[in-house]
């Protein structure tokens, strides 16, 4: 079995609640894509030590082992929740082994639409960060290669769009 870093929560990711506060004690449930059947993830590139399921985030909102490793080509559903099981987001059909495309932009304070270099597979394969803070999927929409924010990102903000 060939192992690779997960496209979701790979190395050192920090997770936040809907208010931008680190998700201390947050939970990441891992399932086979499109199901509620638990699917193992691993703590190392050897793929010999399974993570707990759910993965319980540390006090800074990070995966305790620092990394999430998965088998190449296996599709997952990741469910991110608070420590009290309140749903933050669900990410389905995340397949490892693909290298995400990164789009970098700078906010103007008025511009809401940005054109990516390629067309993402869909909203669920798109992750957006403004000044390093993850943006919930309900704060933007996707039409072909254009991502449109419901509110213009602040002046000089750094916008990173990761997609496959």
N, C-alpha and C. Protein backbone atom coordinates (compact mmCIF):
# COMPACT_ATOMS: atom_id res chain seq x y z
N UNK A 1 0.85 -1.17 0.00
CA UNK A 1 0.00 0.00 0.00
C UNK A 1 0.90 1.23 0.00
N UNK A 2 0.67 2.11 -0.97
CA UNK A 2 1.43 3.35 -1.07
C UNK A 2 0.70 4.44 -0.28
N UNK A 3 1.44 5.17 0.55
CA UNK A 3 0.88 6.17 1.45
C UNK A 3 1.35 7.57 1.03
N UNK A 4 0.47 8.55 1.17
CA UNK A 4 0.80 9.94 0.87
C UNK A 4 0.14 10.85 1.89
N UNK A 5 0.60 12.08 1.96
CA UNK A 5 -0.06 13.05 2.83
C UNK A 5 -1.46 13.32 2.32
N UNK A 6 -2.38 13.48 3.24
CA UNK A 6 -3.76 13.78 2.88
C UNK A 6 -3.86 15.17 2.29
N UNK A 7 -4.73 15.30 1.29
CA UNK A 7 -5.02 16.63 0.74
C UNK A 7 -5.81 17.45 1.75
N UNK A 8 -6.39 16.79 2.73
CA UNK A 8 -7.15 17.45 3.80
C UNK A 8 -6.35 17.31 5.09
N UNK A 9 -5.86 18.39 5.63
CA UNK A 9 -5.17 18.35 6.92
C UNK A 9 -3.80 17.72 6.88
N UNK A 10 -3.14 17.75 5.74
CA UNK A 10 -1.83 17.13 5.56
C UNK A 10 -0.83 17.41 6.66
N UNK A 11 0.02 18.39 6.50
CA UNK A 11 1.07 18.68 7.49
C UNK A 11 0.78 19.98 8.21
N UNK A 12 0.67 19.92 9.52
CA UNK A 12 0.60 21.10 10.36
C UNK A 12 -0.62 21.98 10.18
N UNK A 13 -1.65 21.50 9.51
CA UNK A 13 -2.84 22.32 9.32
C UNK A 13 -3.42 22.71 10.66
N UNK A 14 -3.98 23.88 10.70
CA UNK A 14 -4.67 24.36 11.89
C UNK A 14 -6.13 24.58 11.50
N UNK A 15 -7.02 24.05 12.32
CA UNK A 15 -8.44 24.15 12.05
C UNK A 15 -9.07 25.17 12.99
N UNK A 16 -10.11 25.87 12.50
CA UNK A 16 -10.74 26.95 13.23
C UNK A 16 -12.25 26.75 13.27
N UNK A 17 -12.90 27.36 14.29
CA UNK A 17 -14.35 27.34 14.32
C UNK A 17 -14.87 28.44 13.40
N UNK A 18 -16.17 28.60 13.34
CA UNK A 18 -16.76 29.58 12.43
C UNK A 18 -16.47 31.03 12.81
N UNK A 19 -15.88 31.25 13.99
CA UNK A 19 -15.50 32.59 14.42
C UNK A 19 -14.01 32.85 14.26
N UNK A 20 -13.29 31.90 13.65
CA UNK A 20 -11.85 32.07 13.45
C UNK A 20 -11.00 31.72 14.65
N UNK A 21 -11.61 31.06 15.64
CA UNK A 21 -10.88 30.65 16.85
C UNK A 21 -10.37 29.23 16.65
N UNK A 22 -9.10 28.94 17.02
CA UNK A 22 -8.59 27.57 16.86
C UNK A 22 -9.55 26.54 17.46
N UNK A 23 -9.74 25.48 16.74
CA UNK A 23 -10.72 24.44 17.07
C UNK A 23 -10.16 23.46 18.09
N UNK A 24 -9.91 23.96 19.31
CA UNK A 24 -9.37 23.13 20.40
C UNK A 24 -10.32 21.98 20.69
N UNK A 25 -9.78 20.76 20.67
CA UNK A 25 -10.59 19.58 20.94
C UNK A 25 -11.54 19.23 19.81
N UNK A 26 -11.40 19.91 18.67
CA UNK A 26 -12.25 19.62 17.52
C UNK A 26 -12.08 18.18 17.07
N UNK A 27 -13.03 17.72 16.28
CA UNK A 27 -13.05 16.33 15.84
C UNK A 27 -13.03 16.23 14.32
N UNK A 28 -12.21 15.33 13.81
CA UNK A 28 -12.20 15.03 12.38
C UNK A 28 -12.58 13.56 12.24
N UNK A 29 -13.76 13.31 11.69
CA UNK A 29 -14.19 11.95 11.40
C UNK A 29 -13.77 11.62 9.98
N UNK A 30 -13.28 10.41 9.75
CA UNK A 30 -12.84 10.01 8.42
C UNK A 30 -13.65 8.79 7.96
N UNK A 31 -14.24 8.92 6.77
CA UNK A 31 -15.11 7.88 6.21
C UNK A 31 -14.70 7.58 4.77
N UNK A 32 -15.15 6.44 4.28
CA UNK A 32 -15.04 6.17 2.85
C UNK A 32 -15.93 7.19 2.15
N UNK A 33 -15.47 7.70 1.02
CA UNK A 33 -16.21 8.74 0.30
C UNK A 33 -17.66 8.35 0.08
N UNK A 34 -18.55 9.32 0.31
CA UNK A 34 -19.97 9.12 0.05
C UNK A 34 -20.69 8.24 1.05
N UNK A 35 -20.03 7.87 2.16
CA UNK A 35 -20.64 6.95 3.12
C UNK A 35 -20.43 7.45 4.54
N UNK A 36 -20.90 6.64 5.48
CA UNK A 36 -20.58 6.85 6.90
C UNK A 36 -19.82 5.63 7.42
N UNK A 37 -19.14 4.94 6.51
CA UNK A 37 -18.29 3.81 6.87
C UNK A 37 -16.92 4.33 7.25
N UNK A 38 -16.50 4.14 8.51
CA UNK A 38 -15.19 4.65 8.92
C UNK A 38 -14.06 4.16 8.01
N UNK A 39 -13.13 5.06 7.71
CA UNK A 39 -11.98 4.75 6.86
C UNK A 39 -10.73 5.21 7.61
N UNK A 40 -9.77 4.33 7.77
CA UNK A 40 -8.56 4.64 8.54
C UNK A 40 -7.68 5.67 7.84
N UNK A 41 -7.06 6.51 8.65
CA UNK A 41 -5.96 7.38 8.23
C UNK A 41 -4.79 7.01 9.14
N UNK A 42 -3.61 7.53 8.83
CA UNK A 42 -2.41 7.08 9.53
C UNK A 42 -1.58 8.24 10.06
N UNK A 43 -0.76 7.95 11.07
CA UNK A 43 0.06 8.98 11.71
C UNK A 43 1.42 9.17 11.04
N UNK A 44 1.84 8.19 10.21
CA UNK A 44 3.16 8.27 9.58
C UNK A 44 3.11 7.80 8.13
N UNK A 45 4.17 8.10 7.41
CA UNK A 45 4.26 7.70 6.01
C UNK A 45 4.39 6.20 5.83
N UNK A 46 4.69 5.48 6.89
CA UNK A 46 4.76 4.02 6.81
C UNK A 46 3.37 3.39 6.74
N UNK A 47 2.35 4.14 7.18
CA UNK A 47 0.99 3.62 7.13
C UNK A 47 0.76 2.46 8.08
N UNK A 48 1.53 2.40 9.15
CA UNK A 48 1.42 1.26 10.06
C UNK A 48 0.79 1.61 11.41
N UNK A 49 0.50 2.90 11.64
CA UNK A 49 -0.15 3.31 12.90
C UNK A 49 -1.38 4.14 12.53
N UNK A 50 -2.55 3.58 12.79
CA UNK A 50 -3.80 4.27 12.45
C UNK A 50 -4.07 5.41 13.43
N UNK A 51 -4.63 6.50 12.89
CA UNK A 51 -5.11 7.60 13.73
C UNK A 51 -6.36 7.10 14.47
N UNK A 52 -6.70 7.73 15.57
CA UNK A 52 -8.00 7.50 16.20
C UNK A 52 -9.06 8.06 15.23
N UNK A 53 -10.25 7.52 15.29
CA UNK A 53 -11.34 8.02 14.46
C UNK A 53 -12.56 8.20 15.34
N UNK A 54 -12.84 9.44 15.76
CA UNK A 54 -12.36 10.67 15.17
C UNK A 54 -10.97 11.05 15.66
N UNK A 55 -10.30 11.86 14.85
CA UNK A 55 -9.04 12.47 15.26
C UNK A 55 -9.42 13.65 16.15
N UNK A 56 -8.87 13.70 17.35
CA UNK A 56 -9.17 14.79 18.28
C UNK A 56 -8.05 15.83 18.16
N UNK A 57 -8.41 17.04 17.78
CA UNK A 57 -7.43 18.11 17.60
C UNK A 57 -6.89 18.58 18.94
N UNK A 58 -5.65 19.06 18.94
CA UNK A 58 -5.04 19.55 20.18
C UNK A 58 -5.56 20.95 20.53
N UNK A 59 -5.00 21.55 21.56
CA UNK A 59 -5.49 22.84 22.05
C UNK A 59 -5.30 23.98 21.05
N UNK A 60 -4.44 23.77 20.04
CA UNK A 60 -4.23 24.80 19.02
C UNK A 60 -5.02 24.52 17.74
N UNK A 61 -5.84 23.45 17.75
CA UNK A 61 -6.64 23.11 16.58
C UNK A 61 -5.86 22.33 15.54
N UNK A 62 -4.79 21.67 15.97
CA UNK A 62 -3.97 20.88 15.03
C UNK A 62 -4.08 19.39 15.34
N UNK A 63 -3.80 18.58 14.32
CA UNK A 63 -3.75 17.12 14.49
C UNK A 63 -2.58 16.81 15.42
N UNK A 64 -2.81 16.04 16.51
CA UNK A 64 -1.74 15.78 17.48
C UNK A 64 -0.46 15.19 16.87
N UNK A 65 -0.59 14.31 15.89
CA UNK A 65 0.60 13.72 15.27
C UNK A 65 1.24 14.69 14.28
N UNK A 66 0.54 15.80 13.97
CA UNK A 66 1.06 16.79 13.04
C UNK A 66 0.76 16.50 11.59
N UNK A 67 0.34 15.28 11.29
CA UNK A 67 0.14 14.88 9.90
C UNK A 67 -1.01 13.89 9.78
N UNK A 68 -1.67 13.90 8.63
CA UNK A 68 -2.65 12.87 8.29
C UNK A 68 -2.16 12.20 7.02
N UNK A 69 -1.90 10.91 7.10
CA UNK A 69 -1.42 10.12 5.96
C UNK A 69 -2.52 9.17 5.52
N UNK A 70 -2.65 8.99 4.20
CA UNK A 70 -3.70 8.14 3.64
C UNK A 70 -3.15 7.31 2.47
N UNK A 71 -3.83 6.22 2.13
CA UNK A 71 -3.41 5.44 0.96
C UNK A 71 -3.65 6.23 -0.33
N UNK A 72 -2.73 6.15 -1.26
CA UNK A 72 -2.85 6.82 -2.55
C UNK A 72 -4.08 6.27 -3.28
N UNK A 73 -4.87 7.17 -3.84
CA UNK A 73 -6.00 6.77 -4.67
C UNK A 73 -7.27 6.41 -3.92
N UNK A 74 -7.25 6.43 -2.59
CA UNK A 74 -8.44 6.12 -1.80
C UNK A 74 -9.20 7.42 -1.57
N UNK A 75 -10.51 7.40 -1.85
CA UNK A 75 -11.34 8.59 -1.66
C UNK A 75 -11.95 8.60 -0.27
N UNK A 76 -11.93 9.77 0.34
CA UNK A 76 -12.40 9.95 1.72
C UNK A 76 -13.52 10.97 1.80
N UNK A 77 -14.25 10.88 2.91
CA UNK A 77 -15.13 11.96 3.36
C UNK A 77 -14.60 12.36 4.73
N UNK A 78 -14.30 13.66 4.90
CA UNK A 78 -13.83 14.20 6.17
C UNK A 78 -14.95 15.06 6.75
N UNK A 79 -15.28 14.82 8.02
CA UNK A 79 -16.31 15.60 8.69
C UNK A 79 -15.64 16.31 9.86
N UNK A 80 -15.67 17.64 9.82
CA UNK A 80 -15.04 18.47 10.85
C UNK A 80 -16.11 18.99 11.80
N UNK A 81 -15.92 18.73 13.11
CA UNK A 81 -16.88 19.14 14.11
C UNK A 81 -16.17 19.80 15.29
N UNK A 82 -16.94 20.54 16.07
CA UNK A 82 -16.42 21.10 17.30
C UNK A 82 -16.28 19.98 18.33
N UNK A 83 -15.70 20.28 19.47
CA UNK A 83 -15.56 19.28 20.54
C UNK A 83 -16.91 18.83 21.09
N UNK A 84 -17.96 19.59 20.83
CA UNK A 84 -19.31 19.22 21.28
C UNK A 84 -20.15 18.65 20.14
N UNK A 85 -19.47 18.20 19.08
CA UNK A 85 -20.11 17.54 17.93
C UNK A 85 -20.99 18.46 17.09
N UNK A 86 -20.72 19.76 17.08
CA UNK A 86 -21.43 20.67 16.18
C UNK A 86 -20.69 20.65 14.85
N UNK A 87 -21.42 20.40 13.79
CA UNK A 87 -20.82 20.31 12.45
C UNK A 87 -20.27 21.65 12.00
N UNK A 88 -19.01 21.63 11.56
CA UNK A 88 -18.38 22.81 10.94
C UNK A 88 -18.48 22.66 9.42
N UNK A 89 -18.04 21.50 8.91
CA UNK A 89 -18.07 21.27 7.46
C UNK A 89 -17.86 19.80 7.15
N UNK A 90 -18.32 19.41 5.96
CA UNK A 90 -18.10 18.07 5.43
C UNK A 90 -17.39 18.21 4.09
N UNK A 91 -16.36 17.42 3.89
CA UNK A 91 -15.58 17.42 2.65
C UNK A 91 -15.62 16.00 2.10
N UNK A 92 -16.26 15.83 0.96
CA UNK A 92 -16.47 14.48 0.43
C UNK A 92 -15.71 14.30 -0.88
N UNK A 93 -15.40 13.05 -1.16
CA UNK A 93 -14.69 12.66 -2.38
C UNK A 93 -13.31 13.32 -2.50
N UNK A 94 -12.58 13.31 -1.40
CA UNK A 94 -11.21 13.82 -1.37
C UNK A 94 -10.29 12.64 -1.63
N UNK A 95 -9.63 12.67 -2.76
CA UNK A 95 -8.75 11.58 -3.15
C UNK A 95 -7.31 12.02 -3.03
N UNK A 96 -6.50 11.20 -2.39
CA UNK A 96 -5.09 11.53 -2.22
C UNK A 96 -4.29 11.11 -3.43
N UNK A 97 -3.16 11.69 -3.53
CA UNK A 97 -2.29 11.38 -4.65
C UNK A 97 -2.37 12.43 -5.74
N UNK A 98 -3.33 13.32 -5.62
CA UNK A 98 -3.41 14.42 -6.57
C UNK A 98 -2.76 15.64 -5.94
N UNK A 99 -2.09 16.40 -6.74
CA UNK A 99 -1.45 17.62 -6.25
C UNK A 99 -2.39 18.78 -6.50
N UNK A 100 -2.75 19.50 -5.45
CA UNK A 100 -3.68 20.61 -5.66
C UNK A 100 -3.05 21.75 -6.45
N UNK A 101 -3.91 22.48 -7.13
CA UNK A 101 -3.51 23.69 -7.83
C UNK A 101 -3.71 24.84 -6.84
N UNK A 102 -2.79 25.77 -6.82
CA UNK A 102 -2.87 26.91 -5.90
C UNK A 102 -3.04 28.19 -6.70
N UNK A 103 -4.03 28.98 -6.32
CA UNK A 103 -4.23 30.30 -6.89
C UNK A 103 -4.00 31.33 -5.81
N UNK A 104 -3.14 32.31 -6.06
CA UNK A 104 -2.85 33.36 -5.08
C UNK A 104 -3.34 34.69 -5.61
N UNK A 105 -4.02 35.43 -4.74
CA UNK A 105 -4.56 36.73 -5.10
C UNK A 105 -4.35 37.69 -3.93
N UNK A 106 -4.53 38.99 -4.21
CA UNK A 106 -4.47 40.01 -3.17
C UNK A 106 -5.79 40.76 -3.16
N UNK A 107 -6.38 40.89 -1.97
CA UNK A 107 -7.66 41.58 -1.85
C UNK A 107 -7.52 43.07 -2.12
N UNK A 108 -8.57 43.64 -2.71
CA UNK A 108 -8.59 45.08 -2.99
C UNK A 108 -9.59 45.82 -2.10
N UNK A 109 -10.40 45.06 -1.37
CA UNK A 109 -11.43 45.68 -0.55
C UNK A 109 -12.74 45.85 -1.30
N UNK A 110 -12.70 45.73 -2.63
CA UNK A 110 -13.93 45.88 -3.42
C UNK A 110 -14.14 44.72 -4.41
N UNK A 111 -13.07 44.07 -4.82
CA UNK A 111 -13.17 42.98 -5.79
C UNK A 111 -13.70 41.72 -5.10
N UNK A 112 -14.74 41.12 -5.70
CA UNK A 112 -15.32 39.89 -5.13
C UNK A 112 -15.07 38.67 -6.02
N UNK A 113 -14.80 38.86 -7.31
CA UNK A 113 -14.62 37.74 -8.24
C UNK A 113 -13.16 37.61 -8.65
N UNK A 114 -12.65 36.37 -8.63
CA UNK A 114 -11.27 36.09 -9.00
C UNK A 114 -11.27 34.89 -9.94
N UNK A 115 -10.46 34.95 -10.99
CA UNK A 115 -10.41 33.88 -11.98
C UNK A 115 -9.22 32.98 -11.70
N UNK A 116 -9.51 31.69 -11.51
CA UNK A 116 -8.48 30.69 -11.25
C UNK A 116 -7.82 30.26 -12.55
N UNK A 117 -6.68 29.61 -12.46
CA UNK A 117 -5.92 29.18 -13.65
C UNK A 117 -6.51 27.94 -14.30
N UNK A 118 -7.42 27.26 -13.61
CA UNK A 118 -8.06 26.06 -14.14
C UNK A 118 -9.43 25.94 -13.49
N UNK A 119 -10.23 25.03 -13.96
CA UNK A 119 -11.57 24.82 -13.41
C UNK A 119 -11.50 23.73 -12.34
N UNK A 120 -11.84 24.05 -11.10
CA UNK A 120 -11.85 23.04 -10.04
C UNK A 120 -12.88 21.94 -10.31
N UNK A 121 -12.65 20.77 -9.75
CA UNK A 121 -13.59 19.65 -9.91
C UNK A 121 -14.94 19.99 -9.28
N UNK A 122 -14.95 20.85 -8.29
CA UNK A 122 -16.20 21.25 -7.64
C UNK A 122 -15.90 22.00 -6.36
N UNK A 123 -16.96 22.49 -5.74
CA UNK A 123 -16.81 23.27 -4.52
C UNK A 123 -16.14 22.46 -3.41
N UNK A 124 -16.44 21.15 -3.33
CA UNK A 124 -15.88 20.32 -2.27
C UNK A 124 -14.39 20.04 -2.43
N UNK A 125 -13.82 20.33 -3.58
CA UNK A 125 -12.38 20.15 -3.76
C UNK A 125 -11.65 21.49 -3.72
N UNK A 126 -12.35 22.51 -3.25
CA UNK A 126 -11.79 23.86 -3.18
C UNK A 126 -11.66 24.29 -1.72
N UNK A 127 -10.49 24.77 -1.34
CA UNK A 127 -10.27 25.32 0.00
C UNK A 127 -9.70 26.72 -0.16
N UNK A 128 -10.29 27.67 0.57
CA UNK A 128 -9.89 29.07 0.46
C UNK A 128 -9.42 29.58 1.82
N UNK A 129 -8.33 30.34 1.78
CA UNK A 129 -7.76 30.94 2.99
C UNK A 129 -7.56 32.43 2.71
N UNK A 130 -7.96 33.26 3.66
CA UNK A 130 -7.68 34.69 3.59
C UNK A 130 -6.82 35.02 4.79
N UNK A 131 -5.60 35.50 4.52
CA UNK A 131 -4.60 35.76 5.56
C UNK A 131 -4.41 34.52 6.45
N UNK A 132 -4.42 33.35 5.81
CA UNK A 132 -4.16 32.09 6.51
C UNK A 132 -5.36 31.51 7.24
N UNK A 133 -6.51 32.18 7.21
CA UNK A 133 -7.70 31.69 7.91
C UNK A 133 -8.63 31.01 6.91
N UNK A 134 -8.97 29.75 7.19
CA UNK A 134 -9.86 28.99 6.32
C UNK A 134 -11.21 29.69 6.19
N UNK A 135 -11.74 29.73 4.98
CA UNK A 135 -13.04 30.34 4.72
C UNK A 135 -14.09 29.25 4.49
N UNK A 136 -15.19 29.33 5.22
CA UNK A 136 -16.26 28.35 5.04
C UNK A 136 -16.81 28.43 3.63
N UNK A 137 -17.30 27.30 3.14
CA UNK A 137 -17.79 27.22 1.76
C UNK A 137 -18.98 28.14 1.50
N UNK A 138 -19.70 28.54 2.55
CA UNK A 138 -20.85 29.43 2.33
C UNK A 138 -20.44 30.89 2.18
N UNK A 139 -19.14 31.18 2.17
CA UNK A 139 -18.67 32.56 1.99
C UNK A 139 -18.24 32.85 0.55
N UNK A 140 -18.34 31.84 -0.31
CA UNK A 140 -17.98 32.04 -1.71
C UNK A 140 -18.73 31.04 -2.58
N UNK A 141 -18.77 31.33 -3.87
CA UNK A 141 -19.38 30.41 -4.83
C UNK A 141 -18.39 30.16 -5.95
N UNK A 142 -18.65 29.14 -6.71
CA UNK A 142 -17.76 28.74 -7.79
C UNK A 142 -18.58 28.56 -9.06
N UNK A 143 -18.17 29.22 -10.13
CA UNK A 143 -18.80 29.07 -11.44
C UNK A 143 -17.67 28.94 -12.46
N UNK A 144 -17.52 27.74 -13.00
CA UNK A 144 -16.42 27.45 -13.92
C UNK A 144 -15.11 27.75 -13.20
N UNK A 145 -14.28 28.65 -13.74
CA UNK A 145 -12.98 28.95 -13.09
C UNK A 145 -13.03 30.23 -12.27
N UNK A 146 -14.24 30.75 -12.00
CA UNK A 146 -14.36 31.99 -11.25
C UNK A 146 -14.88 31.71 -9.84
N UNK A 147 -14.14 32.20 -8.87
CA UNK A 147 -14.58 32.11 -7.47
C UNK A 147 -15.07 33.51 -7.09
N UNK A 148 -16.27 33.56 -6.50
CA UNK A 148 -16.88 34.83 -6.13
C UNK A 148 -17.21 34.82 -4.65
N UNK A 149 -16.66 35.78 -3.93
CA UNK A 149 -16.90 35.92 -2.50
C UNK A 149 -18.19 36.69 -2.25
N UNK A 150 -18.90 36.35 -1.16
CA UNK A 150 -20.10 37.09 -0.79
C UNK A 150 -19.74 38.47 -0.27
N UNK A 151 -18.53 38.61 0.24
CA UNK A 151 -18.03 39.90 0.72
C UNK A 151 -16.60 40.06 0.22
N UNK A 152 -16.26 41.21 -0.28
CA UNK A 152 -14.92 41.44 -0.82
C UNK A 152 -13.86 41.24 0.26
N UNK A 153 -12.82 40.47 -0.03
CA UNK A 153 -11.72 40.34 0.93
C UNK A 153 -11.07 41.70 1.18
N UNK A 154 -10.59 41.93 2.39
CA UNK A 154 -10.01 43.23 2.77
C UNK A 154 -8.82 43.65 1.89
N UNK A 155 -8.57 44.94 1.87
CA UNK A 155 -7.45 45.50 1.13
C UNK A 155 -6.15 44.84 1.60
N UNK A 156 -5.31 44.46 0.67
CA UNK A 156 -4.00 43.83 0.85
C UNK A 156 -4.06 42.45 1.51
N UNK A 157 -5.26 41.89 1.69
CA UNK A 157 -5.33 40.55 2.27
C UNK A 157 -4.76 39.54 1.28
N UNK A 158 -4.16 38.51 1.82
CA UNK A 158 -3.58 37.45 1.01
C UNK A 158 -4.63 36.35 0.87
N UNK A 159 -5.00 36.06 -0.38
CA UNK A 159 -6.03 35.07 -0.67
C UNK A 159 -5.35 33.87 -1.32
N UNK A 160 -5.53 32.70 -0.73
CA UNK A 160 -5.00 31.47 -1.33
C UNK A 160 -6.15 30.53 -1.58
N UNK A 161 -6.25 30.05 -2.84
CA UNK A 161 -7.26 29.09 -3.22
C UNK A 161 -6.56 27.81 -3.62
N UNK A 162 -6.84 26.74 -2.91
CA UNK A 162 -6.26 25.43 -3.20
C UNK A 162 -7.38 24.55 -3.76
N UNK A 163 -7.13 23.94 -4.93
CA UNK A 163 -8.18 23.14 -5.54
C UNK A 163 -7.59 22.02 -6.39
N UNK A 164 -8.44 21.06 -6.69
CA UNK A 164 -8.04 19.98 -7.60
C UNK A 164 -9.16 19.74 -8.57
